[in-house]
Protein backbone atom coordinates (compact mmCIF):
# COMPACT_ATOMS: atom_id res chain seq x y z
CA MET A 1 -24.56 15.21 -36.68
CA GLY A 2 -23.52 11.87 -38.26
CA LYS A 3 -20.06 10.34 -38.17
CA PRO A 4 -17.93 11.63 -41.08
CA ASP A 5 -17.21 9.17 -43.89
CA LEU A 6 -13.44 8.80 -43.75
CA GLY A 7 -13.35 7.07 -47.12
CA ARG A 8 -15.11 10.02 -48.72
CA LEU A 9 -12.77 12.52 -47.07
CA ILE A 10 -9.68 10.57 -48.16
CA ALA A 11 -10.99 10.25 -51.69
CA GLN A 12 -11.57 13.98 -51.86
CA THR A 13 -7.91 14.64 -51.03
CA MET A 14 -6.72 12.44 -53.91
CA ALA A 15 -6.78 13.25 -57.55
CA PRO A 16 -10.41 13.44 -58.64
CA PRO A 17 -11.61 10.55 -60.80
CA ALA A 18 -11.81 11.05 -64.50
CA GLU A 19 -15.12 12.27 -65.84
CA GLY A 20 -17.58 9.44 -66.25
CA ARG A 21 -15.73 6.80 -64.20
CA THR A 22 -18.05 3.97 -63.28
CA ILE A 23 -17.81 1.09 -60.88
CA GLU A 24 -17.02 -1.14 -63.86
CA VAL A 25 -14.04 1.07 -64.77
CA ILE A 26 -12.81 1.03 -61.19
CA THR A 27 -13.19 -2.76 -61.03
CA GLY A 28 -11.10 -3.09 -64.18
CA ASP A 29 -8.38 -0.87 -62.74
CA ILE A 30 -8.21 -3.03 -59.60
CA LEU A 31 -7.98 -6.25 -61.61
CA GLU A 32 -5.22 -4.77 -63.74
CA ALA A 33 -3.33 -3.58 -60.66
CA GLN A 34 -3.63 -7.06 -59.17
CA ARG A 35 -1.71 -8.44 -62.16
CA LYS A 36 1.02 -5.82 -61.82
CA GLY A 37 1.63 -6.11 -58.07
CA GLY A 38 4.37 -3.99 -56.45
CA GLU A 39 3.57 -0.32 -56.22
CA ALA A 40 0.18 -1.00 -57.86
CA VAL A 41 -0.93 -1.87 -54.34
CA LEU A 42 -1.51 1.84 -53.81
CA THR A 43 -3.65 1.95 -56.94
CA ILE A 44 -5.76 -0.89 -55.59
CA GLY A 45 -6.21 0.93 -52.27
CA LYS A 46 -7.17 4.20 -53.92
CA CYS A 47 -9.63 2.47 -56.23
CA LEU A 48 -11.20 0.63 -53.29
CA ILE A 49 -11.69 3.94 -51.46
CA GLU A 50 -13.25 5.36 -54.61
CA ALA A 51 -15.51 2.35 -55.04
CA LYS A 52 -16.70 2.30 -51.43
CA ASP A 53 -17.62 5.98 -51.70
CA MET A 54 -19.53 5.29 -54.91
CA LEU A 55 -21.45 2.14 -53.93
CA SER A 56 -24.75 2.31 -52.09
CA HIS A 57 -25.29 0.84 -48.64
CA GLY A 58 -25.32 -2.96 -48.81
CA GLU A 59 -23.46 -3.15 -52.15
CA TRP A 60 -19.89 -2.90 -50.80
CA LEU A 61 -19.29 -6.42 -49.43
CA PRO A 62 -20.99 -8.30 -52.30
CA TRP A 63 -18.99 -6.25 -54.81
CA LEU A 64 -15.73 -7.01 -52.98
CA ALA A 65 -16.37 -10.74 -53.00
CA GLU A 66 -17.83 -11.11 -56.48
CA LYS A 67 -15.89 -8.57 -58.56
CA VAL A 68 -12.39 -8.27 -57.07
CA GLY A 69 -12.16 -11.29 -54.76
CA TYR A 70 -11.29 -9.49 -51.52
CA SER A 71 -12.54 -9.98 -48.00
CA GLU A 72 -13.53 -6.89 -46.08
CA LYS A 73 -10.35 -7.13 -43.95
CA THR A 74 -8.12 -7.39 -47.04
CA ALA A 75 -9.83 -4.38 -48.61
CA GLN A 76 -9.41 -2.40 -45.42
CA ASN A 77 -5.69 -3.20 -45.43
CA PHE A 78 -5.27 -2.00 -49.01
CA MET A 79 -7.17 1.19 -48.20
CA ARG A 80 -4.99 1.80 -45.15
CA LEU A 81 -1.86 1.44 -47.30
CA ALA A 82 -3.27 3.97 -49.75
CA ARG A 83 -4.07 6.41 -46.95
CA GLU A 84 -0.87 6.02 -44.94
CA PHE A 85 1.85 5.38 -47.57
CA SER A 86 2.38 8.16 -50.07
CA ASN A 87 5.58 6.79 -51.62
CA PRO A 88 4.86 4.20 -54.35
CA GLN A 89 8.53 3.19 -54.49
CA ALA A 90 8.52 2.32 -50.80
CA ILE A 91 5.64 -0.07 -51.39
CA ALA A 92 7.40 -1.54 -54.41
CA ASP A 93 10.59 -2.10 -52.38
CA LEU A 94 8.91 -3.51 -49.29
CA GLY A 95 5.99 -5.37 -50.78
CA ALA A 96 2.42 -5.24 -49.54
CA THR A 97 2.92 -7.81 -46.77
CA LYS A 98 5.77 -5.93 -45.08
CA ALA A 99 4.07 -2.60 -45.64
CA LEU A 100 0.99 -3.90 -43.85
CA LYS A 101 3.15 -5.01 -40.92
CA LEU A 102 4.61 -1.53 -40.67
CA LEU A 103 1.12 -0.08 -40.21
CA ALA A 104 1.43 -1.29 -36.60
CA LEU A 105 3.95 1.51 -36.03
CA PRO A 106 3.04 5.17 -35.56
CA PRO A 107 3.30 7.01 -38.91
CA ASP A 108 6.08 9.29 -37.70
CA GLU A 109 8.25 6.31 -36.74
CA ARG A 110 8.01 4.17 -39.86
CA GLU A 111 10.70 5.73 -42.03
CA LYS A 112 13.24 5.69 -39.22
CA PHE A 113 12.35 2.12 -38.34
CA VAL A 114 12.81 1.04 -41.96
CA ALA A 115 16.19 2.77 -42.13
CA ASP A 116 17.41 1.50 -38.75
CA HIS A 117 16.41 -2.12 -39.34
CA ASN A 118 17.08 -2.59 -43.06
CA VAL A 119 13.53 -3.82 -43.48
CA ILE A 120 13.95 -4.36 -47.24
CA ASP A 121 16.31 -7.28 -46.63
CA MET A 122 14.25 -8.77 -43.79
CA THR A 123 11.84 -11.63 -44.04
CA THR A 124 8.28 -10.99 -42.92
CA ARG A 125 8.93 -13.08 -39.78
CA GLN A 126 12.06 -11.10 -38.97
CA LEU A 127 10.11 -7.86 -39.41
CA GLU A 128 7.38 -9.09 -37.06
CA GLN A 129 10.04 -9.99 -34.51
CA ALA A 130 11.73 -6.59 -34.82
CA ILE A 131 8.40 -4.79 -34.33
CA ARG A 132 7.61 -6.98 -31.35
CA GLU A 133 11.02 -6.27 -29.78
CA ARG A 134 10.51 -2.57 -30.42
CA ASP A 135 7.12 -2.68 -28.70
CA GLU A 136 8.53 -4.65 -25.75
CA ALA A 137 11.46 -2.24 -25.36
CA LYS A 138 9.11 0.73 -25.49
CA ALA A 139 6.78 -0.85 -22.92
CA ALA A 140 9.75 -1.65 -20.67
CA ALA A 141 11.03 1.92 -20.95
CA GLU A 142 7.57 3.32 -20.15
CA GLN A 143 7.25 0.97 -17.17
CA ALA A 144 10.71 1.93 -15.93
CA ALA A 145 9.79 5.61 -16.21
CA ALA A 146 6.55 4.99 -14.36
CA ASP A 147 8.42 3.06 -11.66
CA GLN A 148 10.90 5.89 -11.37
CA ARG A 149 8.11 8.46 -11.01
CA THR A 150 6.45 6.28 -8.38
CA ALA A 151 9.74 5.92 -6.51
CA GLU A 152 10.37 9.67 -6.62
CA GLN A 153 6.84 10.40 -5.40
CA ALA A 154 7.29 7.85 -2.63
CA ARG A 155 10.59 9.38 -1.62
CA ASP A 156 9.06 12.85 -1.55
CA LYS A 157 6.21 11.48 0.56
CA MET A 158 8.68 9.86 2.97
CA ALA A 159 10.65 13.09 3.22
CA GLU A 160 7.45 14.99 4.00
CA ASP A 161 6.51 12.37 6.57
CA MET A 162 9.94 12.77 8.15
CA ARG A 163 9.47 16.54 8.33
CA LEU A 164 6.06 16.16 9.97
CA LEU A 165 7.35 13.54 12.38
CA ASN A 166 10.25 15.74 13.42
CA ALA A 167 7.87 18.64 13.99
CA SER A 168 5.59 16.39 16.01
CA LEU A 169 8.55 15.09 18.00
CA ALA A 170 9.61 18.64 18.84
CA GLY A 171 6.11 19.37 20.10
CA VAL A 172 6.01 16.17 22.15
CA ARG A 173 9.36 16.96 23.73
CA GLU A 174 8.14 20.42 24.66
CA ASP A 175 5.00 18.94 26.21
CA ARG A 176 7.10 16.51 28.25
CA GLU A 177 9.41 19.27 29.47
CA GLN A 178 6.40 21.30 30.61
CA ALA A 179 4.92 18.23 32.32
CA MET A 180 8.20 17.55 34.13
CA GLU A 181 8.44 21.17 35.21
CA ASN A 182 4.88 20.97 36.53
CA VAL A 183 5.76 17.81 38.51
CA ALA A 184 8.86 19.46 39.99
CA ARG A 185 6.88 22.54 40.97
CA LEU A 186 4.14 20.55 42.63
CA GLU A 187 6.65 18.34 44.47
CA ALA A 188 8.32 21.46 45.85
CA GLU A 189 4.99 22.94 46.90
CA LEU A 190 3.98 19.68 48.57
CA ALA A 191 7.26 19.44 50.44
CA ASP A 192 6.89 23.03 51.55
CA LEU A 193 3.32 22.39 52.66
CA LYS A 194 4.37 19.41 54.73
CA ALA A 195 7.27 21.30 56.30
CA LYS A 196 5.24 24.15 57.75
CA PRO A 197 1.87 24.58 59.37
CA VAL A 198 -1.02 24.89 56.99
CA ASP A 199 -1.76 28.46 56.00
CA VAL A 200 -5.52 28.50 55.85
CA ALA A 201 -8.20 30.89 56.91
CA VAL A 202 -8.93 29.37 60.31
CA GLU A 203 -8.14 32.37 62.52
CA THR A 204 -11.48 32.05 64.27
CA VAL A 205 -11.06 28.33 64.71
CA VAL A 206 -9.25 27.23 67.84
CA ASP A 207 -10.12 23.56 67.56
CA GLN A 208 -6.85 21.67 66.92
CA ALA A 209 -8.73 18.82 65.21
CA ALA A 210 -10.18 21.24 62.71
CA ILE A 211 -6.73 22.68 62.07
CA ASP A 212 -5.24 19.21 61.57
CA LYS A 213 -8.06 18.28 59.22
CA ALA A 214 -7.60 21.44 57.17
CA ARG A 215 -3.90 20.75 56.91
CA ALA A 216 -4.49 17.13 55.90
CA ASP A 217 -7.04 18.18 53.29
CA ALA A 218 -4.58 20.69 51.82
CA ILE A 219 -1.84 18.02 51.65
CA ALA A 220 -4.26 15.52 50.09
CA GLU A 221 -5.36 18.06 47.47
CA MET A 222 -1.77 18.90 46.65
CA GLN A 223 -0.88 15.18 46.44
CA ALA A 224 -3.79 14.58 44.05
CA LYS A 225 -2.54 17.39 41.80
CA LEU A 226 0.95 15.91 41.95
CA ASP A 227 -0.27 12.41 41.07
CA LYS A 228 -2.21 13.78 38.12
CA ALA A 229 0.83 15.74 36.97
CA LYS A 230 3.02 12.63 37.21
CA GLU A 231 0.49 10.68 35.16
CA ALA A 232 0.55 13.39 32.50
CA ALA A 233 4.34 13.38 32.55
CA ALA A 234 4.38 9.58 32.10
CA LYS A 235 2.06 9.84 29.10
CA ALA A 236 4.21 12.62 27.65
CA ARG A 237 7.28 10.40 28.10
CA ASP A 238 5.56 7.48 26.33
CA LYS A 239 4.48 9.76 23.46
CA GLN A 240 8.04 11.00 23.11
CA LYS A 241 9.38 7.46 22.97
CA GLN A 242 6.81 6.49 20.34
CA ALA A 243 7.54 9.59 18.28
CA GLU A 244 11.29 8.94 18.48
CA ALA A 245 10.71 5.33 17.44
CA SER A 246 8.63 6.48 14.42
CA VAL A 247 11.35 8.91 13.38
CA GLU A 248 13.98 6.18 13.71
CA VAL A 249 11.95 3.71 11.66
CA LEU A 250 11.38 6.22 8.89
CA LYS A 251 15.02 7.23 8.97
CA ARG A 252 16.10 3.60 8.50
CA SER A 253 13.56 3.25 5.69
CA LEU A 254 15.04 6.23 3.87
CA GLU A 255 18.53 4.80 4.33
CA GLU A 256 17.47 1.39 3.03
CA ARG A 257 15.76 3.00 0.07
CA ASP A 258 18.90 4.93 -0.81
CA LYS A 259 20.91 1.70 -0.67
CA SER A 260 18.42 -0.10 -2.87
CA GLU A 261 18.41 2.74 -5.39
CA LYS A 262 22.19 2.66 -5.62
CA LYS A 263 22.21 -1.11 -6.06
CA ALA A 264 19.54 -0.94 -8.74
CA ALA A 265 21.36 1.84 -10.57
CA ILE A 266 24.62 -0.10 -10.53
CA ALA A 267 23.12 -3.44 -11.52
CA GLY A 268 20.38 -2.16 -13.79
CA ASP A 269 18.21 -4.70 -11.99
CA LYS A 270 14.55 -4.30 -12.96
CA GLU A 271 13.33 -6.67 -10.24
CA LEU A 272 15.32 -4.82 -7.60
CA THR A 273 13.87 -1.52 -8.74
CA GLN A 274 10.33 -2.85 -8.58
CA PHE A 275 11.03 -4.44 -5.20
CA ASP A 276 12.27 -1.07 -3.96
CA VAL A 277 9.04 0.59 -5.04
CA LEU A 278 7.00 -2.05 -3.24
CA PHE A 279 9.20 -1.73 -0.16
CA ILE A 280 8.54 2.00 -0.01
CA GLN A 281 4.82 1.48 -0.41
CA GLY A 282 4.91 -1.15 2.33
CA GLN A 283 6.82 1.19 4.60
CA GLU A 284 4.26 3.92 4.04
CA LEU A 285 1.51 1.50 5.02
CA ALA A 286 3.48 0.47 8.10
CA ASN A 287 3.87 4.14 9.12
CA LYS A 288 0.15 4.72 8.72
CA MET A 289 -0.63 1.60 10.75
CA GLN A 290 1.71 2.79 13.49
CA GLY A 291 -0.06 6.15 13.51
CA TYR A 292 -3.41 4.45 14.08
CA LEU A 293 -1.85 2.32 16.79
CA LEU A 294 -0.52 5.40 18.61
CA LYS A 295 -3.98 6.96 18.54
CA ALA A 296 -5.54 3.74 19.85
CA ARG A 297 -3.02 3.58 22.69
CA GLY A 298 -4.19 6.99 23.83
CA ARG A 299 -7.72 5.69 24.51
CA GLU A 300 -8.99 4.54 27.88
CA ASP A 301 -10.08 1.21 26.38
CA GLN A 302 -6.95 -0.57 25.13
CA THR A 303 -8.77 -3.40 23.32
CA ALA A 304 -8.34 -1.89 19.86
CA ALA A 305 -4.67 -1.11 20.50
CA GLN A 306 -4.03 -4.69 21.61
CA ASP A 307 -5.73 -6.08 18.48
CA MET A 308 -3.63 -3.76 16.29
CA GLU A 309 -0.44 -4.86 18.06
CA LYS A 310 -1.27 -8.52 17.46
CA ALA A 311 -1.98 -7.89 13.77
CA MET A 312 1.27 -5.98 13.27
CA LYS A 313 3.28 -8.65 15.05
CA TYR A 314 1.64 -11.27 12.84
CA LEU A 315 2.66 -9.33 9.71
CA ALA A 316 6.19 -8.99 11.02
CA GLU A 317 6.31 -12.75 11.60
CA ILE A 318 5.12 -13.45 8.05
CA PHE A 319 7.72 -11.12 6.49
CA GLY A 320 10.37 -12.71 8.69
CA ARG A 321 9.50 -16.16 7.36
CA TYR A 322 9.58 -14.92 3.76
CA ALA A 323 13.05 -13.49 4.31
CA GLU A 324 14.47 -16.81 5.55
């Protein structure tokens, strides 16, 4: 299905042409309207729509240039005025030049804009400036709203991160407590084992060397379990410290964000607001980087963790220099 001819559709919504109207009649109407000016601009636009619908393919541009002296762009402007302005008096009061400038505004905003800015008494340059200021103010408001949405989403994300970190910290603390209890239990068992003769199934063995060896083996096995339990407890302690540090960092970030928001709200500072958004995004990245670092520290091979630490320290040094 082909693209609908907008000119034809518009023409059909207007008053139908008189019986027998020809392109020559339409040309004469346009030339007469050109002499009148003012609200006749709408007549020109309507006649141009009528003519374009009537002319065959390839005849439109030559007719414009030869018969009515318009470029294609000028004709399009007149036709837009005819389509989008229904009040002839408004065109007469504003003039075609100002009316064309107002086409840059959404149709539902034009009347209010004209009333609010006293467009009739403006020069064309003043109107252009007013429209530009309106567009800039609208863009700034949209950007501010987008920044606000981004900030709110970032805050929600940070709050969720804080919830997850606190839950993780609780789990880490529980793991450490269990590890410490395991160490204490094994230490007590080892002390008890050392304090009394070994209780092993050696009733049929009367060789003292065998008994001593069995006792030493039992102590060594218990000591190995204790050493492994202490190692697990040390790792649990390190994980707890790291988790507590992550919670503290995120807590400070939330506090700093709240301070920045209050400052921005008081000062109405656009740069401060945007900086705050970037700060939050940077903090989120820092938290993710720390998460990867914690995972790398849990590996046997510490090479990756050491590289990550160097990179993060380098970033911290750069930000420190920027802040000086």
